[in-house]
């Protein structure tokens, strides 16, 4: 059986400039996006998360980082 990946077209306008927490726009001039509200992220990750949020929720909003899972190994 052939598996075909799903592709979605998402408008990328302002995804690297918009803060997902407060919706302020700011041009990115360094590797890190820093907003006056306290949000800070590497600009590539920031833009990718905003694109993901636009697809999942229809708007740019904060997506929390995945929590780390702890495993208990029983020998």
Protein backbone atom coordinates (compact mmCIF):
# COMPACT_ATOMS: atom_id res chain seq x y z
CA UNK A 1 0.00 0.00 0.00
CA UNK A 2 1.39 3.37 -1.03
CA UNK A 3 1.36 6.02 1.68
CA UNK A 4 0.97 9.58 0.46
CA UNK A 5 1.77 12.43 2.87
CA UNK A 6 -0.91 15.04 3.46
CA UNK A 7 -0.02 18.53 2.33
CA UNK A 8 -1.83 21.69 3.36
CA UNK A 9 -1.48 25.10 1.79
CA UNK A 10 -1.11 27.73 4.50
CA UNK A 11 -0.65 31.45 3.89
CA UNK A 12 2.72 32.27 5.43
CA UNK A 13 2.14 36.04 5.53
CA UNK A 14 3.54 37.60 8.71
CA UNK A 15 4.19 34.23 10.40
CA UNK A 16 7.78 35.16 11.22
CA UNK A 17 6.85 38.70 12.31
CA UNK A 18 3.79 38.10 14.54
CA UNK A 19 4.01 37.23 18.23
CA UNK A 20 1.74 34.24 18.97
CA UNK A 21 1.06 35.51 22.50
CA UNK A 22 0.11 39.16 22.00
CA UNK A 23 -0.26 39.40 18.16
CA UNK A 24 2.23 42.31 17.88
CA UNK A 25 4.20 42.48 14.64
CA UNK A 26 7.92 43.05 14.63
CA UNK A 27 10.48 42.57 11.87
CA UNK A 28 13.01 39.89 12.73
CA UNK A 29 16.57 41.21 12.51
CA UNK A 30 18.39 38.60 14.56
CA UNK A 31 18.28 34.82 14.94
CA UNK A 32 15.90 35.08 17.89
CA UNK A 33 12.44 36.61 17.86
CA UNK A 34 12.00 38.64 21.06
CA UNK A 35 8.72 40.39 21.88
CA UNK A 36 8.07 43.03 24.54
CA UNK A 37 5.49 40.68 26.12
CA UNK A 38 8.32 38.28 27.06
CA UNK A 39 7.93 35.68 24.30
CA UNK A 40 11.28 34.56 22.87
CA UNK A 41 12.11 31.85 20.31
CA UNK A 42 14.56 31.08 17.50
CA UNK A 43 13.12 32.73 14.40
CA UNK A 44 12.86 29.51 12.34
CA UNK A 45 11.01 27.65 15.10
CA UNK A 46 8.87 30.72 15.76
CA UNK A 47 7.75 30.93 12.12
CA UNK A 48 7.15 27.19 11.86
CA UNK A 49 5.00 27.17 15.01
CA UNK A 50 2.95 30.09 13.71
CA UNK A 51 2.36 28.26 10.42
CA UNK A 52 1.34 25.13 12.34
CA UNK A 53 -1.02 27.16 14.56
CA UNK A 54 -2.62 28.78 11.50
CA UNK A 55 -3.38 25.33 10.09
CA UNK A 56 -4.54 23.74 13.35
CA UNK A 57 -6.47 26.64 14.90
CA UNK A 58 -7.08 29.04 12.02
CA UNK A 59 -5.02 31.78 13.69
CA UNK A 60 -1.56 32.38 15.08
CA UNK A 61 -1.58 31.45 18.76
CA UNK A 62 0.88 30.08 21.28
CA UNK A 63 1.53 26.34 21.02
CA UNK A 64 3.10 25.02 24.21
CA UNK A 65 6.21 22.91 23.90
CA UNK A 66 5.66 19.20 24.22
CA UNK A 67 6.23 18.09 27.77
CA UNK A 68 9.09 15.71 28.29
CA UNK A 69 8.05 12.19 29.12
CA UNK A 70 9.70 10.36 31.96
CA UNK A 71 9.82 6.60 31.89
CA UNK A 72 10.28 4.26 34.78
CA UNK A 73 12.41 1.32 33.74
CA UNK A 74 11.70 -1.82 35.70
CA UNK A 75 14.42 -4.46 35.46
